[in-house]
C-alpha atoms as a PDB file:
ATOM      1  CA  UNK A   1    -210.313 111.738   1.570  1.00  0.00           C
ATOM      2  CA  UNK A   2    -212.226 108.507   0.993  1.00  0.00           C
ATOM      3  CA  UNK A   3    -213.516 106.890  -2.174  1.00  0.00           C
ATOM      4  CA  UNK A   4    -216.949 108.340  -1.692  1.00  0.00           C
ATOM      5  CA  UNK A   5    -218.800 110.852  -3.754  1.00  0.00           C
ATOM      6  CA  UNK A   6    -218.093 114.493  -3.051  1.00  0.00           C
ATOM      7  CA  UNK A   7    -221.412 114.472  -1.247  1.00  0.00           C
ATOM      8  CA  UNK A   8    -219.916 112.444   1.569  1.00  0.00           C
ATOM      9  CA  UNK A   9    -217.559 115.311   2.304  1.00  0.00           C
ATOM     10  CA  UNK A  10    -219.752 118.346   1.841  1.00  0.00           C
ATOM     11  CA  UNK A  11    -223.226 117.002   1.183  1.00  0.00           C
ATOM     12  CA  UNK A  12    -223.710 114.290   3.799  1.00  0.00           C
ATOM     13  CA  UNK A  13    -227.419 114.254   4.462  1.00  0.00           C
ATOM     14  CA  UNK A  14    -228.101 116.474   1.455  1.00  0.00           C
ATOM     15  CA  UNK A  15    -230.418 113.823   0.014  1.00  0.00           C
ATOM     16  CA  UNK A  16    -232.911 114.831   2.687  1.00  0.00           C
ATOM     17  CA  UNK A  17    -233.291 118.039   0.691  1.00  0.00           C
ATOM     18  CA  UNK A  18    -234.242 116.025  -2.423  1.00  0.00           C
ATOM     19  CA  UNK A  19    -237.841 117.111  -2.823  1.00  0.00           C
ATOM     20  CA  UNK A  20    -236.980 120.705  -2.068  1.00  0.00           C
ATOM     21  CA  UNK A  21    -234.183 120.710  -4.609  1.00  0.00           C
ATOM     22  CA  UNK A  22    -236.179 119.161  -7.397  1.00  0.00           C
ATOM     23  CA  UNK A  23    -239.027 121.592  -6.872  1.00  0.00           C
ATOM     24  CA  UNK A  24    -236.669 124.555  -6.830  1.00  0.00           C
ATOM     25  CA  UNK A  25    -234.888 123.718 -10.073  1.00  0.00           C
ATOM     26  CA  UNK A  26    -237.467 125.550 -12.089  1.00  0.00           C
ATOM     27  CA  UNK A  27    -237.608 128.525  -9.748  1.00  0.00           C
ATOM     28  CA  UNK A  28    -236.531 131.725 -11.478  1.00  0.00           C
ATOM     29  CA  UNK A  29    -233.586 133.599 -10.048  1.00  0.00           C
ATOM     30  CA  UNK A  30    -234.650 136.783  -8.322  1.00  0.00           C
ATOM     31  CA  UNK A  31    -231.391 138.572  -9.061  1.00  0.00           C
ATOM     32  CA  UNK A  32    -228.752 138.855 -11.759  1.00  0.00           C
ATOM     33  CA  UNK A  33    -227.788 135.457 -13.112  1.00  0.00           C
ATOM     34  CA  UNK A  34    -224.939 134.044 -11.019  1.00  0.00           C
ATOM     35  CA  UNK A  35    -221.766 133.421 -12.954  1.00  0.00           C
ATOM     36  CA  UNK A  36    -219.906 130.128 -13.126  1.00  0.00           C
ATOM     37  CA  UNK A  37    -216.128 130.646 -12.849  1.00  0.00           C
ATOM     38  CA  UNK A  38    -214.204 129.506 -15.911  1.00  0.00           C
ATOM     39  CA  UNK A  39    -211.958 126.551 -15.087  1.00  0.00           C
ATOM     40  CA  UNK A  40    -210.240 126.570 -18.465  1.00  0.00           C
ATOM     41  CA  UNK A  41    -207.719 129.164 -19.620  1.00  0.00           C
ATOM     42  CA  UNK A  42    -209.191 131.023 -22.585  1.00  0.00           C
ATOM     43  CA  UNK A  43    -205.787 130.898 -24.285  1.00  0.00           C
ATOM     44  CA  UNK A  44    -205.424 127.142 -23.870  1.00  0.00           C
ATOM     45  CA  UNK A  45    -206.290 125.051 -26.884  1.00  0.00           C
ATOM     46  CA  UNK A  46    -207.125 121.419 -26.245  1.00  0.00           C
ATOM     47  CA  UNK A  47    -206.942 119.287 -29.372  1.00  0.00           C
ATOM     48  CA  UNK A  48    -210.030 117.394 -30.460  1.00  0.00           C
ATOM     49  CA  UNK A  49    -209.059 113.733 -31.007  1.00  0.00           C
ATOM     50  CA  UNK A  50    -210.507 111.690 -33.842  1.00  0.00           C
ATOM     51  CA  UNK A  51    -213.370 109.572 -32.481  1.00  0.00           C
ATOM     52  CA  UNK A  52    -214.485 108.128 -35.811  1.00  0.00           C
ATOM     53  CA  UNK A  53    -213.591 104.613 -34.653  1.00  0.00           C
ATOM     54  CA  UNK A  54    -215.539 104.941 -31.407  1.00  0.00           C
ATOM     55  CA  UNK A  55    -218.373 102.416 -31.303  1.00  0.00           C
ATOM     56  CA  UNK A  56    -220.198 103.987 -28.340  1.00  0.00           C
ATOM     57  CA  UNK A  57    -219.659 106.096 -25.253  1.00  0.00           C
ATOM     58  CA  UNK A  58    -221.378 104.769 -22.143  1.00  0.00           C
ATOM     59  CA  UNK A  59    -221.627 107.172 -19.220  1.00  0.00           C
ATOM     60  CA  UNK A  60    -222.313 105.625 -15.815  1.00  0.00           C
ATOM     61  CA  UNK A  61    -223.964 107.581 -13.027  1.00  0.00           C
ATOM     62  CA  UNK A  62    -226.181 107.013  -9.975  1.00  0.00           C
ATOM     63  CA  UNK A  63    -229.555 108.319  -8.830  1.00  0.00           C
ATOM     64  CA  UNK A  64    -228.818 109.426  -5.258  1.00  0.00           C
ATOM     65  CA  UNK A  65    -226.982 112.722  -5.698  1.00  0.00           C
ATOM     66  CA  UNK A  66    -229.509 115.487  -6.453  1.00  0.00           C
ATOM     67  CA  UNK A  67    -229.332 117.890  -8.147  1.00  0.00           C
ATOM     68  CA  UNK A  68    -226.408 116.300  -9.985  1.00  0.00           C
ATOM     69  CA  UNK A  69    -227.948 112.925 -10.805  1.00  0.00           C
ATOM     70  CA  UNK A  70    -231.381 111.693  -9.727  1.00  0.00           C
ATOM     71  CA  UNK A  71    -234.675 110.385 -11.077  1.00  0.00           C
ATOM     72  CA  UNK A  72    -237.362 113.034 -11.471  1.00  0.00           C
ATOM     73  CA  UNK A  73    -241.053 112.733 -10.614  1.00  0.00           C
ATOM     74  CA  UNK A  74    -241.637 110.925 -13.912  1.00  0.00           C
ATOM     75  CA  UNK A  75    -238.914 108.371 -13.250  1.00  0.00           C
ATOM     76  CA  UNK A  76    -236.600 109.956 -15.814  1.00  0.00           C
ATOM     77  CA  UNK A  77    -232.856 110.167 -15.213  1.00  0.00           C
ATOM     78  CA  UNK A  78    -232.083 113.840 -14.702  1.00  0.00           C
ATOM     79  CA  UNK A  79    -229.594 116.236 -13.202  1.00  0.00           C
ATOM     80  CA  UNK A  80    -226.628 118.482 -13.861  1.00  0.00           C
ATOM     81  CA  UNK A  81    -224.302 115.558 -14.630  1.00  0.00           C
ATOM     82  CA  UNK A  82    -226.839 113.909 -16.912  1.00  0.00           C
ATOM     83  CA  UNK A  83    -227.367 117.069 -18.953  1.00  0.00           C
ATOM     84  CA  UNK A  84    -223.619 117.668 -19.064  1.00  0.00           C
ATOM     85  CA  UNK A  85    -222.974 114.164 -20.397  1.00  0.00           C
ATOM     86  CA  UNK A  86    -225.468 114.789 -23.199  1.00  0.00           C
ATOM     87  CA  UNK A  87    -223.838 118.131 -24.015  1.00  0.00           C
ATOM     88  CA  UNK A  88    -220.414 116.503 -24.142  1.00  0.00           C
ATOM     89  CA  UNK A  89    -221.702 113.994 -26.660  1.00  0.00           C
ATOM     90  CA  UNK A  90    -223.307 116.771 -28.696  1.00  0.00           C
ATOM     91  CA  UNK A  91    -220.122 118.834 -28.689  1.00  0.00           C
ATOM     92  CA  UNK A  92    -218.129 115.801 -29.864  1.00  0.00           C
ATOM     93  CA  UNK A  93    -220.805 115.070 -32.517  1.00  0.00           C
ATOM     94  CA  UNK A  94    -221.362 111.536 -31.231  1.00  0.00           C
ATOM     95  CA  UNK A  95    -224.855 111.872 -29.743  1.00  0.00           C
ATOM     96  CA  UNK A  96    -226.021 108.830 -31.666  1.00  0.00           C
ATOM     97  CA  UNK A  97    -223.320 106.772 -29.955  1.00  0.00           C
ATOM     98  CA  UNK A  98    -223.975 107.992 -26.417  1.00  0.00           C
ATOM     99  CA  UNK A  99    -225.662 106.121 -23.600  1.00  0.00           C
ATOM    100  CA  UNK A 100    -226.230 107.136 -19.975  1.00  0.00           C
ATOM    101  CA  UNK A 101    -226.932 104.401 -17.441  1.00  0.00           C
ATOM    102  CA  UNK A 102    -227.641 104.664 -13.713  1.00  0.00           C
ATOM    103  CA  UNK A 103    -226.348 101.971 -11.370  1.00  0.00           C
ATOM    104  CA  UNK A 104    -225.810 101.860  -7.577  1.00  0.00           C
ATOM    105  CA  UNK A 105    -223.093 104.269  -6.516  1.00  0.00           C
ATOM    106  CA  UNK A 106    -221.121 101.525  -4.779  1.00  0.00           C
ATOM    107  CA  UNK A 107    -220.862  99.608  -8.078  1.00  0.00           C
ATOM    108  CA  UNK A 108    -219.512 102.451 -10.238  1.00  0.00           C
ATOM    109  CA  UNK A 109    -215.804 101.775  -9.791  1.00  0.00           C
ATOM    110  CA  UNK A 110    -216.035  98.034 -10.417  1.00  0.00           C
ATOM    111  CA  UNK A 111    -218.369  98.520 -13.393  1.00  0.00           C
ATOM    112  CA  UNK A 112    -215.916 100.905 -15.050  1.00  0.00           C
ATOM    113  CA  UNK A 113    -212.969  98.589 -14.357  1.00  0.00           C
ATOM    114  CA  UNK A 114    -214.939  95.717 -15.909  1.00  0.00           C
ATOM    115  CA  UNK A 115    -215.678  97.798 -19.042  1.00  0.00           C
ATOM    116  CA  UNK A 116    -219.402  97.849 -18.334  1.00  0.00           C
ATOM    117  CA  UNK A 117    -219.191 101.573 -19.062  1.00  0.00           C
ATOM    118  CA  UNK A 118    -216.655 104.014 -20.426  1.00  0.00           C
ATOM    119  CA  UNK A 119    -216.888 107.029 -18.126  1.00  0.00           C
ATOM    120  CA  UNK A 120    -218.258 107.708 -14.637  1.00  0.00           C
ATOM    121  CA  UNK A 121    -219.969 111.053 -14.096  1.00  0.00           C
ATOM    122  CA  UNK A 122    -221.417 110.876 -10.591  1.00  0.00           C
ATOM    123  CA  UNK A 123    -219.515 113.210  -8.264  1.00  0.00           C
ATOM    124  CA  UNK A 124    -216.855 110.665  -7.353  1.00  0.00           C
ATOM    125  CA  UNK A 125    -214.148 112.219  -5.181  1.00  0.00           C
ATOM    126  CA  UNK A 126    -210.671 111.978  -6.672  1.00  0.00           C
ATOM    127  CA  UNK A 127    -208.334 110.050  -4.362  1.00  0.00           C
ATOM    128  CA  UNK A 128    -204.732 108.820  -4.709  1.00  0.00           C
ATOM    129  CA  UNK A 129    -206.011 105.235  -4.705  1.00  0.00           C
ATOM    130  CA  UNK A 130    -208.419 105.908  -7.545  1.00  0.00           C
ATOM    131  CA  UNK A 131    -205.704 107.704  -9.496  1.00  0.00           C
ATOM    132  CA  UNK A 132    -203.647 104.527  -9.401  1.00  0.00           C
ATOM    133  CA  UNK A 133    -206.468 102.708 -11.204  1.00  0.00           C
ATOM    134  CA  UNK A 134    -208.179 105.350 -13.334  1.00  0.00           C
ATOM    135  CA  UNK A 135    -207.702 108.716 -14.994  1.00  0.00           C
ATOM    136  CA  UNK A 136    -209.828 111.825 -14.520  1.00  0.00           C
ATOM    137  CA  UNK A 137    -210.945 114.615 -16.763  1.00  0.00           C
ATOM    138  CA  UNK A 138    -210.249 118.218 -15.993  1.00  0.00           C
ATOM    139  CA  UNK A 139    -212.642 119.556 -13.320  1.00  0.00           C
ATOM    140  CA  UNK A 140    -215.834 121.148 -14.589  1.00  0.00           C
ATOM    141  CA  UNK A 141    -217.276 122.425 -11.304  1.00  0.00           C
ATOM    142  CA  UNK A 142    -215.853 123.276  -7.909  1.00  0.00           C
ATOM    143  CA  UNK A 143    -217.967 123.043  -4.764  1.00  0.00           C
ATOM    144  CA  UNK A 144    -216.870 125.966  -2.579  1.00  0.00           C
ATOM    145  CA  UNK A 145    -217.376 126.749   1.082  1.00  0.00           C
ATOM    146  CA  UNK A 146    -219.346 129.838   2.113  1.00  0.00           C
ATOM    147  CA  UNK A 147    -220.435 131.753   5.160  1.00  0.00           C
ATOM    148  CA  UNK A 148    -224.090 132.418   5.818  1.00  0.00           C
ATOM    149  CA  UNK A 149    -225.095 135.075   8.340  1.00  0.00           C
ATOM    150  CA  UNK A 150    -228.228 135.975  10.266  1.00  0.00           C
ATOM    151  CA  UNK A 151    -229.702 139.134   8.766  1.00  0.00           C
ATOM    152  CA  UNK A 152    -231.050 140.498  12.051  1.00  0.00           C
ATOM    153  CA  UNK A 153    -227.522 140.746  13.452  1.00  0.00           C
ATOM    154  CA  UNK A 154    -225.757 143.912  12.267  1.00  0.00           C
ATOM    155  CA  UNK A 155    -222.374 143.274  10.686  1.00  0.00           C
ATOM    156  CA  UNK A 156    -220.004 146.081   9.809  1.00  0.00           C
ATOM    157  CA  UNK A 157    -218.142 145.005   6.718  1.00  0.00           C
ATOM    158  CA  UNK A 158    -218.560 142.603   3.828  1.00  0.00           C
ATOM    159  CA  UNK A 159    -215.745 140.167   4.520  1.00  0.00           C
ATOM    160  CA  UNK A 160    -215.128 137.417   7.040  1.00  0.00           C
ATOM    161  CA  UNK A 161    -213.086 139.873   9.111  1.00  0.00           C
ATOM    162  CA  UNK A 162    -216.381 141.482  10.145  1.00  0.00           C
ATOM    163  CA  UNK A 163    -217.256 138.250  11.982  1.00  0.00           C
ATOM    164  CA  UNK A 164    -214.291 138.485  14.339  1.00  0.00           C
ATOM    165  CA  UNK A 165    -215.370 137.919  17.926  1.00  0.00           C
ATOM    166  CA  UNK A 166    -218.784 136.629  16.896  1.00  0.00           C
ATOM    167  CA  UNK A 167    -219.903 132.983  17.279  1.00  0.00           C
ATOM    168  CA  UNK A 168    -219.588 131.185  13.949  1.00  0.00           C
ATOM    169  CA  UNK A 169    -221.088 127.719  13.731  1.00  0.00           C
ATOM    170  CA  UNK A 170    -219.627 124.741  11.892  1.00  0.00           C
ATOM    171  CA  UNK A 171    -220.285 120.989  11.910  1.00  0.00           C
ATOM    172  CA  UNK A 172    -217.587 119.274  13.944  1.00  0.00           C
ATOM    173  CA  UNK A 173    -215.368 116.628  12.427  1.00  0.00           C
ATOM    174  CA  UNK A 174    -215.853 117.934   8.892  1.00  0.00           C
ATOM    175  CA  UNK A 175    -213.497 119.390   6.321  1.00  0.00           C
ATOM    176  CA  UNK A 176    -215.294 122.682   6.851  1.00  0.00           C
ATOM    177  CA  UNK A 177    -214.316 122.737  10.522  1.00  0.00           C
ATOM    178  CA  UNK A 178    -210.682 122.159   9.548  1.00  0.00           C
ATOM    179  CA  UNK A 179    -210.886 124.724   6.767  1.00  0.00           C
ATOM    180  CA  UNK A 180    -212.448 127.338   9.056  1.00  0.00           C
ATOM    181  CA  UNK A 181    -209.650 126.877  11.597  1.00  0.00           C
ATOM    182  CA  UNK A 182    -206.951 127.104   8.927  1.00  0.00           C
ATOM    183  CA  UNK A 183    -208.366 130.026   6.955  1.00  0.00           C
ATOM    184  CA  UNK A 184    -209.900 132.044   9.787  1.00  0.00           C
ATOM    185  CA  UNK A 185    -208.069 131.314  13.062  1.00  0.00           C
ATOM    186  CA  UNK A 186    -209.317 134.580  14.584  1.00  0.00           C
ATOM    187  CA  UNK A 187    -212.964 133.576  14.328  1.00  0.00           C
ATOM    188  CA  UNK A 188    -214.786 132.098  17.314  1.00  0.00           C
ATOM    189  CA  UNK A 189    -215.874 128.659  16.104  1.00  0.00           C
ATOM    190  CA  UNK A 190    -218.796 126.889  17.749  1.00  0.00           C
ATOM    191  CA  UNK A 191    -219.275 123.276  16.694  1.00  0.00           C
ATOM    192  CA  UNK A 192    -222.469 121.289  16.171  1.00  0.00           C
ATOM    193  CA  UNK A 193    -223.056 117.581  15.713  1.00  0.00           C
ATOM    194  CA  UNK A 194    -225.089 117.839  12.503  1.00  0.00           C
ATOM    195  CA  UNK A 195    -225.888 120.196   9.662  1.00  0.00           C
ATOM    196  CA  UNK A 196    -229.505 120.429  10.786  1.00  0.00           C
ATOM    197  CA  UNK A 197    -228.429 121.423  14.293  1.00  0.00           C
ATOM    198  CA  UNK A 198    -226.103 124.044  12.831  1.00  0.00           C
ATOM    199  CA  UNK A 199    -228.779 125.634  10.646  1.00  0.00           C
ATOM    200  CA  UNK A 200    -231.333 125.554  13.468  1.00  0.00           C
ATOM    201  CA  UNK A 201    -228.877 127.345  15.758  1.00  0.00           C
ATOM    202  CA  UNK A 202    -228.254 129.980  13.109  1.00  0.00           C
ATOM    203  CA  UNK A 203    -231.952 130.519  12.528  1.00  0.00           C
ATOM    204  CA  UNK A 204    -232.578 130.782  16.289  1.00  0.00           C
ATOM    205  CA  UNK A 205    -229.765 133.298  16.759  1.00  0.00           C
ATOM    206  CA  UNK A 206    -227.536 131.018  18.834  1.00  0.00           C
ATOM    207  CA  UNK A 207    -224.735 131.791  16.385  1.00  0.00           C
ATOM    208  CA  UNK A 208    -224.363 134.873  14.184  1.00  0.00           C
ATOM    209  CA  UNK A 209    -223.026 133.007  11.165  1.00  0.00           C
ATOM    210  CA  UNK A 210    -222.180 129.537   9.914  1.00  0.00           C
ATOM    211  CA  UNK A 211    -219.526 128.080   7.627  1.00  0.00           C
ATOM    212  CA  UNK A 212    -220.446 125.130   5.435  1.00  0.00           C
ATOM    213  CA  UNK A 213    -220.866 123.789   1.923  1.00  0.00           C
ATOM    214  CA  UNK A 214    -222.077 126.467  -0.495  1.00  0.00           C
ATOM    215  CA  UNK A 215    -224.412 124.057  -2.275  1.00  0.00           C
ATOM    216  CA  UNK A 216    -226.417 123.251   0.834  1.00  0.00           C
ATOM    217  CA  UNK A 217    -226.395 126.855   2.031  1.00  0.00           C
ATOM    218  CA  UNK A 218    -227.492 128.225  -1.337  1.00  0.00           C
ATOM    219  CA  UNK A 219    -230.624 126.097  -1.408  1.00  0.00           C
ATOM    220  CA  UNK A 220    -231.335 126.509   2.308  1.00  0.00           C
ATOM    221  CA  UNK A 221    -231.319 130.324   2.361  1.00  0.00           C
ATOM    222  CA  UNK A 222    -233.681 130.323  -0.635  1.00  0.00           C
ATOM    223  CA  UNK A 223    -236.055 127.749   0.851  1.00  0.00           C
ATOM    224  CA  UNK A 224    -239.010 128.110   3.245  1.00  0.00           C
ATOM    225  CA  UNK A 225    -236.932 126.260   5.854  1.00  0.00           C
ATOM    226  CA  UNK A 226    -234.787 129.338   6.449  1.00  0.00           C
ATOM    227  CA  UNK A 227    -237.786 131.655   6.820  1.00  0.00           C
ATOM    228  CA  UNK A 228    -235.688 134.356   5.100  1.00  0.00           C
ATOM    229  CA  UNK A 229    -233.558 134.650   8.233  1.00  0.00           C
ATOM    230  CA  UNK A 230    -230.209 134.539   6.584  1.00  0.00           C
ATOM    231  CA  UNK A 231    -228.088 135.282   3.537  1.00  0.00           C
ATOM    232  CA  UNK A 232    -224.851 134.073   2.004  1.00  0.00           C
ATOM    233  CA  UNK A 233    -221.909 136.171   3.127  1.00  0.00           C
ATOM    234  CA  UNK A 234    -218.442 136.643   1.642  1.00  0.00           C
ATOM    235  CA  UNK A 235    -216.610 134.016  -0.382  1.00  0.00           C
ATOM    236  CA  UNK A 236    -216.669 131.711  -2.160  1.00  0.00           C
ATOM    237  CA  UNK A 237    -213.746 129.879  -0.639  1.00  0.00           C
ATOM    238  CA  UNK A 238    -212.022 127.153  -2.642  1.00  0.00           C
ATOM    239  CA  UNK A 239    -209.333 124.791  -1.441  1.00  0.00           C
ATOM    240  CA  UNK A 240    -208.135 121.671  -3.188  1.00  0.00           C
ATOM    241  CA  UNK A 241    -206.467 120.596   0.053  1.00  0.00           C
ATOM    242  CA  UNK A 242    -209.707 120.652   2.033  1.00  0.00           C
ATOM    243  CA  UNK A 243    -212.439 120.323  -0.605  1.00  0.00           C
ATOM    244  CA  UNK A 244    -210.773 118.164  -3.224  1.00  0.00           C
ATOM    245  CA  UNK A 245    -210.194 118.631  -6.940  1.00  0.00           C
ATOM    246  CA  UNK A 246    -213.815 119.305  -7.805  1.00  0.00           C
ATOM    247  CA  UNK A 247    -216.274 117.540 -10.071  1.00  0.00           C
ATOM    248  CA  UNK A 248    -214.549 115.399 -12.692  1.00  0.00           C
ATOM    249  CA  UNK A 249    -215.249 112.449 -14.991  1.00  0.00           C
ATOM    250  CA  UNK A 250    -213.470 109.157 -14.290  1.00  0.00           C
ATOM    251  CA  UNK A 251    -212.221 106.920 -17.108  1.00  0.00           C
ATOM    252  CA  UNK A 252    -210.013 103.864 -17.558  1.00  0.00           C
ATOM    253  CA  UNK A 253    -206.297 104.531 -17.863  1.00  0.00           C
ATOM    254  CA  UNK A 254    -206.128 102.981 -21.318  1.00  0.00           C
ATOM    255  CA  UNK A 255    -208.702 105.430 -22.676  1.00  0.00           C
ATOM    256  CA  UNK A 256    -206.370 108.404 -23.057  1.00  0.00           C
ATOM    257  CA  UNK A 257    -207.902 109.457 -26.386  1.00  0.00           C
ATOM    258  CA  UNK A 258    -211.398 109.523 -24.927  1.00  0.00           C
ATOM    259  CA  UNK A 259    -210.137 111.432 -21.894  1.00  0.00           C
ATOM    260  CA  UNK A 260    -208.592 114.058 -24.160  1.00  0.00           C
ATOM    261  CA  UNK A 261    -211.828 114.279 -26.144  1.00  0.00           C
ATOM    262  CA  UNK A 262    -213.867 114.862 -22.992  1.00  0.00           C
ATOM    263  CA  UNK A 263    -211.407 117.534 -21.841  1.00  0.00           C
ATOM    264  CA  UNK A 264    -211.777 119.217 -25.234  1.00  0.00           C
ATOM    265  CA  UNK A 265    -215.569 119.132 -24.952  1.00  0.00           C
ATOM    266  CA  UNK A 266    -215.557 120.493 -21.387  1.00  0.00           C
ATOM    267  CA  UNK A 267    -213.310 123.375 -22.435  1.00  0.00           C
ATOM    268  CA  UNK A 268    -215.565 124.169 -25.395  1.00  0.00           C
ATOM    269  CA  UNK A 269    -218.725 124.072 -23.269  1.00  0.00           C
ATOM    270  CA  UNK A 270    -217.087 126.310 -20.698  1.00  0.00           C
ATOM    271  CA  UNK A 271    -216.145 128.903 -23.317  1.00  0.00           C
ATOM    272  CA  UNK A 272    -219.332 128.886 -25.385  1.00  0.00           C
ATOM    273  CA  UNK A 273    -221.628 129.315 -22.393  1.00  0.00           C
ATOM    274  CA  UNK A 274    -223.374 125.946 -22.508  1.00  0.00           C
ATOM    275  CA  UNK A 275    -221.832 124.866 -19.197  1.00  0.00           C
ATOM    276  CA  UNK A 276    -223.095 128.119 -17.677  1.00  0.00           C
ATOM    277  CA  UNK A 277    -226.602 127.372 -18.990  1.00  0.00           C
ATOM    278  CA  UNK A 278    -226.641 123.949 -17.357  1.00  0.00           C
ATOM    279  CA  UNK A 279    -225.313 125.470 -14.138  1.00  0.00           C
ATOM    280  CA  UNK A 280    -228.126 128.034 -13.989  1.00  0.00           C
ATOM    281  CA  UNK A 281    -230.686 125.341 -14.742  1.00  0.00           C
ATOM    282  CA  UNK A 282    -229.830 123.486 -11.552  1.00  0.00           C
ATOM    283  CA  UNK A 283    -228.356 126.241  -9.390  1.00  0.00           C
ATOM    284  CA  UNK A 284    -230.555 129.276 -10.071  1.00  0.00           C
ATOM    285  CA  UNK A 285    -229.335 131.003  -6.908  1.00  0.00           C
ATOM    286  CA  UNK A 286    -225.681 130.303  -7.566  1.00  0.00           C
ATOM    287  CA  UNK A 287    -222.872 128.823  -5.506  1.00  0.00           C
ATOM    288  CA  UNK A 288    -220.325 131.575  -6.002  1.00  0.00           C
END
């Protein structure tokens, strides 16, 4: 895994969906509200450190990772991560000390190391190299893999086993190709060079199903681009080995108190439903 944002693993080319994503954020869900899995044990109690001496908390993010962090049509910094950062500050009762600044993604690591910010919330993939330099909060969102199937093709069953013997598309050279082979060796994988080629083949009936990032698939099946041809199928499938540790917040190693405070806030937001509210705001069709 490289020191790139999670998008480089599962969302490469996702920025091309930018306008579609922004316009769909306000779209009402047409079914029961999708649920966000709890990543914190309800019995676990994370202490709330004293932040009375904190002068300010500066979150750093970027603007090229919709719907997590981007600039909206009015030029305002928006997104799941931006709203979450504000909620963290509110939960810790330090909203008046909070700042959120967008800088180029490539500059995030160096800016944090140089104390030009206190925490990075931008979908940065956790790597062993980064762990040697920084610390990370507990994960607040996992990006799963999902199947999507063509609705005109009859499938007997509701699990991946029903796809046995059928052509299942996947983008070659990706973690999803490796994950598909490891998790579902009995499936007949057919590889494609790009995500667009994969989705076009699915829509045209050249494959009966596809395996890819749930975030992309969720928005695609709900968009005009899919022409209502397909639907999410089975899953979600999570794997730290293939998909990483999930969405986290990166901090300097010396800031252990602040890291503990952010973990406390994330746990509280997960339990009181505020994290779920933010999730539904940006993912009305769900990932899980």
